[in-house]
Amino acid sequence: GLSRAKEGELLLDAPELAENGTNVPVTITSLIPDTDFIALIADHNPNPVCVGFNVLPVNEPSYSVRIKVAETSTLVGVARANGQWYFTLRDITVMIGGCLG
């Protein structure tokens, strides 16, 4: 099943407003024990899945990436732990050419 992560379990740090959607800095961190997969999705992108990482037991499930966001979207952070899937949401507004589009 898929369930919303509890407050503070799955952290998605991204700007609320991105002037340039081609290079948006995002950090995703899972504090859910035994996280073994983590992914980032932008729902309005032509290819919604931006990145996905298999997390090794020795690694901390935290990644900082730069992604392309085609238009104003909801970013979805997803983590898998102990066979369960968790998600968190973050809205991001993309400005095109310095104008709200």
N, C-alpha and C. Protein backbone atom coordinates (compact mmCIF):
# COMPACT_ATOMS: atom_id res chain seq x y z
N GLY A 1 0.82 -1.20 0.00
CA GLY A 1 0.00 0.00 0.00
C GLY A 1 0.86 1.25 0.00
N LEU A 2 0.20 2.36 -0.24
CA LEU A 2 0.85 3.67 -0.26
C LEU A 2 0.17 4.54 0.78
N SER A 3 0.94 5.11 1.66
CA SER A 3 0.35 5.97 2.68
C SER A 3 1.18 7.24 2.84
N ARG A 4 0.51 8.30 3.28
CA ARG A 4 1.21 9.57 3.50
C ARG A 4 2.14 9.40 4.70
N ALA A 5 3.38 9.85 4.53
CA ALA A 5 4.34 9.78 5.62
C ALA A 5 3.90 10.69 6.76
N LYS A 6 4.20 10.28 7.99
CA LYS A 6 3.89 11.13 9.14
C LYS A 6 4.76 12.38 9.10
N GLU A 7 4.30 13.42 9.77
CA GLU A 7 5.03 14.68 9.84
C GLU A 7 6.47 14.42 10.28
N GLY A 8 7.43 14.92 9.50
CA GLY A 8 8.83 14.79 9.88
C GLY A 8 9.50 13.48 9.49
N GLU A 9 8.76 12.55 8.88
CA GLU A 9 9.35 11.26 8.49
C GLU A 9 10.02 11.31 7.13
N LEU A 10 9.39 12.03 6.20
CA LEU A 10 9.90 12.12 4.83
C LEU A 10 9.96 13.60 4.48
N LEU A 11 11.17 14.12 4.34
CA LEU A 11 11.38 15.55 4.18
C LEU A 11 11.72 15.89 2.74
N LEU A 12 10.98 16.83 2.19
CA LEU A 12 11.18 17.27 0.81
C LEU A 12 11.45 18.77 0.85
N ASP A 13 12.68 19.14 0.57
CA ASP A 13 13.08 20.54 0.62
C ASP A 13 13.28 21.05 -0.80
N ALA A 14 12.42 21.99 -1.20
CA ALA A 14 12.48 22.57 -2.55
C ALA A 14 11.93 23.99 -2.45
N PRO A 15 12.37 24.86 -3.35
CA PRO A 15 11.84 26.22 -3.32
C PRO A 15 10.35 26.24 -3.67
N GLU A 16 9.58 27.12 -3.02
CA GLU A 16 8.17 27.28 -3.39
C GLU A 16 8.05 27.91 -4.76
N LEU A 17 9.02 28.75 -5.10
CA LEU A 17 9.00 29.47 -6.37
C LEU A 17 10.33 29.25 -7.08
N ALA A 18 10.27 28.70 -8.29
CA ALA A 18 11.48 28.48 -9.08
C ALA A 18 11.45 29.43 -10.27
N GLU A 19 12.43 30.33 -10.34
CA GLU A 19 12.46 31.26 -11.47
C GLU A 19 12.76 30.53 -12.76
N ASN A 20 13.60 29.48 -12.68
CA ASN A 20 13.99 28.72 -13.86
C ASN A 20 13.74 27.25 -13.57
N GLY A 21 12.75 26.68 -14.25
CA GLY A 21 12.38 25.29 -13.99
C GLY A 21 13.37 24.27 -14.50
N THR A 22 14.41 24.71 -15.25
CA THR A 22 15.35 23.74 -15.79
C THR A 22 16.39 23.28 -14.77
N ASN A 23 16.46 23.94 -13.61
CA ASN A 23 17.54 23.65 -12.67
C ASN A 23 17.07 23.94 -11.25
N VAL A 24 16.21 23.07 -10.71
CA VAL A 24 15.60 23.30 -9.41
C VAL A 24 16.29 22.42 -8.36
N PRO A 25 16.88 23.04 -7.32
CA PRO A 25 17.52 22.24 -6.28
C PRO A 25 16.49 21.62 -5.33
N VAL A 26 16.61 20.32 -5.12
CA VAL A 26 15.68 19.59 -4.26
C VAL A 26 16.49 18.64 -3.37
N THR A 27 16.13 18.57 -2.10
CA THR A 27 16.71 17.57 -1.20
C THR A 27 15.57 16.72 -0.66
N ILE A 28 15.76 15.40 -0.72
CA ILE A 28 14.78 14.48 -0.15
C ILE A 28 15.49 13.60 0.87
N THR A 29 14.88 13.50 2.05
CA THR A 29 15.47 12.75 3.16
C THR A 29 14.39 11.90 3.81
N SER A 30 14.68 10.62 4.01
CA SER A 30 13.76 9.74 4.72
C SER A 30 14.32 9.44 6.11
N LEU A 31 13.51 9.68 7.12
CA LEU A 31 13.86 9.31 8.49
C LEU A 31 13.11 8.05 8.92
N ILE A 32 12.49 7.38 7.94
CA ILE A 32 11.77 6.13 8.21
C ILE A 32 12.80 5.02 8.29
N PRO A 33 12.83 4.28 9.40
CA PRO A 33 13.82 3.20 9.53
C PRO A 33 13.74 2.19 8.39
N ASP A 34 14.90 1.70 7.97
CA ASP A 34 15.02 0.66 6.94
C ASP A 34 14.53 1.10 5.56
N THR A 35 14.63 2.41 5.27
CA THR A 35 14.30 2.88 3.92
C THR A 35 15.29 2.26 2.94
N ASP A 36 14.77 1.61 1.87
CA ASP A 36 15.67 0.98 0.89
C ASP A 36 15.50 1.54 -0.52
N PHE A 37 14.52 2.44 -0.70
CA PHE A 37 14.35 3.09 -2.01
C PHE A 37 13.72 4.45 -1.78
N ILE A 38 14.16 5.42 -2.58
CA ILE A 38 13.63 6.78 -2.45
C ILE A 38 13.55 7.37 -3.85
N ALA A 39 12.49 8.12 -4.13
CA ALA A 39 12.29 8.66 -5.47
C ALA A 39 11.63 10.03 -5.39
N LEU A 40 11.75 10.75 -6.50
CA LEU A 40 11.20 12.09 -6.62
C LEU A 40 10.43 12.19 -7.93
N ILE A 41 9.19 12.65 -7.86
CA ILE A 41 8.29 12.72 -9.01
C ILE A 41 7.76 14.15 -9.14
N ALA A 42 7.72 14.67 -10.37
CA ALA A 42 7.07 15.96 -10.65
C ALA A 42 5.86 15.65 -11.51
N ASP A 43 4.67 15.85 -10.96
CA ASP A 43 3.47 15.29 -11.59
C ASP A 43 3.13 15.86 -12.96
N HIS A 44 3.58 17.06 -13.29
CA HIS A 44 3.23 17.62 -14.60
C HIS A 44 4.35 17.51 -15.63
N ASN A 45 5.45 16.86 -15.28
CA ASN A 45 6.52 16.66 -16.25
C ASN A 45 6.10 15.61 -17.28
N PRO A 46 6.61 15.75 -18.54
CA PRO A 46 6.33 14.71 -19.54
C PRO A 46 6.80 13.33 -19.08
N ASN A 47 7.95 13.28 -18.41
CA ASN A 47 8.43 12.06 -17.75
C ASN A 47 8.44 12.36 -16.26
N PRO A 48 7.38 11.97 -15.54
CA PRO A 48 7.22 12.44 -14.15
C PRO A 48 8.31 12.01 -13.18
N VAL A 49 8.88 10.80 -13.37
CA VAL A 49 9.89 10.34 -12.42
C VAL A 49 11.20 11.07 -12.70
N CYS A 50 11.63 11.89 -11.74
CA CYS A 50 12.86 12.67 -11.92
C CYS A 50 14.08 11.85 -11.55
N VAL A 51 14.07 11.25 -10.37
CA VAL A 51 15.19 10.42 -9.91
C VAL A 51 14.66 9.34 -9.00
N GLY A 52 15.41 8.25 -8.91
CA GLY A 52 15.12 7.19 -7.96
C GLY A 52 16.44 6.60 -7.49
N PHE A 53 16.51 6.30 -6.22
CA PHE A 53 17.76 5.76 -5.66
C PHE A 53 17.47 4.50 -4.86
N ASN A 54 18.25 3.46 -5.12
CA ASN A 54 18.27 2.31 -4.21
C ASN A 54 19.19 2.68 -3.06
N VAL A 55 18.69 2.56 -1.85
CA VAL A 55 19.46 2.96 -0.67
C VAL A 55 20.10 1.72 -0.05
N LEU A 56 21.42 1.72 0.01
CA LEU A 56 22.13 0.62 0.66
C LEU A 56 22.05 0.79 2.17
N PRO A 57 22.08 -0.31 2.92
CA PRO A 57 21.96 -0.21 4.38
C PRO A 57 23.00 0.70 5.03
N VAL A 58 24.16 0.84 4.40
CA VAL A 58 25.21 1.68 4.99
C VAL A 58 25.04 3.16 4.64
N ASN A 59 24.11 3.47 3.73
CA ASN A 59 23.93 4.85 3.30
C ASN A 59 22.77 5.52 4.03
N GLU A 60 22.90 6.82 4.24
CA GLU A 60 21.79 7.59 4.78
C GLU A 60 20.84 7.91 3.62
N PRO A 61 19.53 7.68 3.77
CA PRO A 61 18.60 7.95 2.68
C PRO A 61 18.30 9.45 2.55
N SER A 62 19.31 10.18 2.08
CA SER A 62 19.17 11.62 1.88
C SER A 62 19.94 12.00 0.62
N TYR A 63 19.27 12.68 -0.31
CA TYR A 63 19.88 13.02 -1.59
C TYR A 63 19.55 14.46 -1.96
N SER A 64 20.54 15.17 -2.44
CA SER A 64 20.35 16.51 -2.99
C SER A 64 20.59 16.44 -4.49
N VAL A 65 19.61 16.87 -5.25
CA VAL A 65 19.69 16.80 -6.71
C VAL A 65 19.17 18.10 -7.31
N ARG A 66 19.43 18.26 -8.59
CA ARG A 66 18.81 19.35 -9.35
C ARG A 66 17.96 18.69 -10.42
N ILE A 67 16.71 19.11 -10.47
CA ILE A 67 15.78 18.48 -11.39
C ILE A 67 15.18 19.52 -12.33
N LYS A 68 14.60 19.04 -13.41
CA LYS A 68 13.88 19.89 -14.34
C LYS A 68 12.39 19.78 -14.01
N VAL A 69 11.76 20.93 -13.83
CA VAL A 69 10.32 20.96 -13.57
C VAL A 69 9.69 21.75 -14.71
N ALA A 70 8.91 21.07 -15.55
CA ALA A 70 8.42 21.67 -16.79
C ALA A 70 7.46 22.83 -16.54
N GLU A 71 6.63 22.70 -15.51
CA GLU A 71 5.65 23.74 -15.20
C GLU A 71 5.25 23.61 -13.75
N THR A 72 4.47 24.56 -13.27
CA THR A 72 4.01 24.52 -11.90
C THR A 72 3.44 23.13 -11.62
N SER A 73 3.93 22.50 -10.56
CA SER A 73 3.65 21.09 -10.29
C SER A 73 3.57 20.83 -8.80
N THR A 74 3.16 19.62 -8.50
CA THR A 74 3.32 19.09 -7.15
C THR A 74 4.47 18.09 -7.21
N LEU A 75 5.48 18.33 -6.38
CA LEU A 75 6.56 17.34 -6.25
C LEU A 75 6.10 16.28 -5.27
N VAL A 76 6.38 15.03 -5.61
CA VAL A 76 6.02 13.90 -4.76
C VAL A 76 7.30 13.20 -4.37
N GLY A 77 7.57 13.14 -3.08
CA GLY A 77 8.68 12.35 -2.55
C GLY A 77 8.14 11.00 -2.13
N VAL A 78 8.82 9.93 -2.54
CA VAL A 78 8.35 8.58 -2.25
C VAL A 78 9.49 7.80 -1.59
N ALA A 79 9.15 7.03 -0.57
CA ALA A 79 10.14 6.16 0.07
C ALA A 79 9.52 4.79 0.33
N ARG A 80 10.36 3.75 0.21
CA ARG A 80 9.93 2.39 0.54
C ARG A 80 10.73 1.92 1.74
N ALA A 81 10.02 1.39 2.72
CA ALA A 81 10.67 0.84 3.92
C ALA A 81 9.87 -0.36 4.39
N ASN A 82 10.56 -1.46 4.59
CA ASN A 82 9.92 -2.70 5.06
C ASN A 82 8.72 -3.09 4.20
N GLY A 83 8.86 -2.92 2.87
CA GLY A 83 7.80 -3.32 1.95
C GLY A 83 6.62 -2.36 1.90
N GLN A 84 6.65 -1.28 2.67
CA GLN A 84 5.58 -0.29 2.65
C GLN A 84 6.05 0.95 1.90
N TRP A 85 5.12 1.64 1.24
CA TRP A 85 5.43 2.85 0.48
C TRP A 85 4.85 4.06 1.20
N TYR A 86 5.64 5.12 1.24
CA TYR A 86 5.23 6.36 1.89
C TYR A 86 5.46 7.52 0.93
N PHE A 87 4.66 8.58 1.06
CA PHE A 87 4.85 9.74 0.20
C PHE A 87 4.66 11.04 0.97
N THR A 88 5.21 12.09 0.42
CA THR A 88 4.98 13.44 0.91
C THR A 88 4.89 14.35 -0.30
N LEU A 89 4.21 15.48 -0.15
CA LEU A 89 3.95 16.38 -1.27
C LEU A 89 4.53 17.76 -1.01
N ARG A 90 4.91 18.43 -2.08
CA ARG A 90 5.41 19.81 -2.00
C ARG A 90 5.04 20.52 -3.30
N ASP A 91 4.27 21.60 -3.18
CA ASP A 91 3.90 22.38 -4.37
C ASP A 91 5.06 23.28 -4.77
N ILE A 92 5.26 23.41 -6.07
CA ILE A 92 6.31 24.28 -6.59
C ILE A 92 5.75 25.08 -7.77
N THR A 93 5.95 26.40 -7.71
CA THR A 93 5.51 27.28 -8.77
C THR A 93 6.71 27.62 -9.65
N VAL A 94 6.56 27.43 -10.95
CA VAL A 94 7.64 27.68 -11.89
C VAL A 94 7.34 28.95 -12.67
N MET A 95 8.29 29.89 -12.64
CA MET A 95 8.16 31.11 -13.43
C MET A 95 8.87 30.88 -14.76
N ILE A 96 8.25 31.26 -15.85
CA ILE A 96 8.83 31.10 -17.18
C ILE A 96 9.32 32.46 -17.64
N GLY A 97 10.62 32.60 -17.89
CA GLY A 97 11.16 33.86 -18.38
C GLY A 97 10.91 35.04 -17.46
N GLY A 98 10.82 34.79 -16.16
CA GLY A 98 10.64 35.86 -15.20
C GLY A 98 9.20 36.29 -15.06
N CYS A 99 8.27 35.71 -15.82
CA CYS A 99 6.86 36.05 -15.70
C CYS A 99 6.11 34.83 -15.19
N LEU A 100 5.11 35.06 -14.37
CA LEU A 100 4.28 33.94 -13.95
C LEU A 100 3.58 33.36 -15.16
N GLY A 101 3.71 32.05 -15.36
CA GLY A 101 3.15 31.46 -16.56
C GLY A 101 2.15 30.38 -16.26
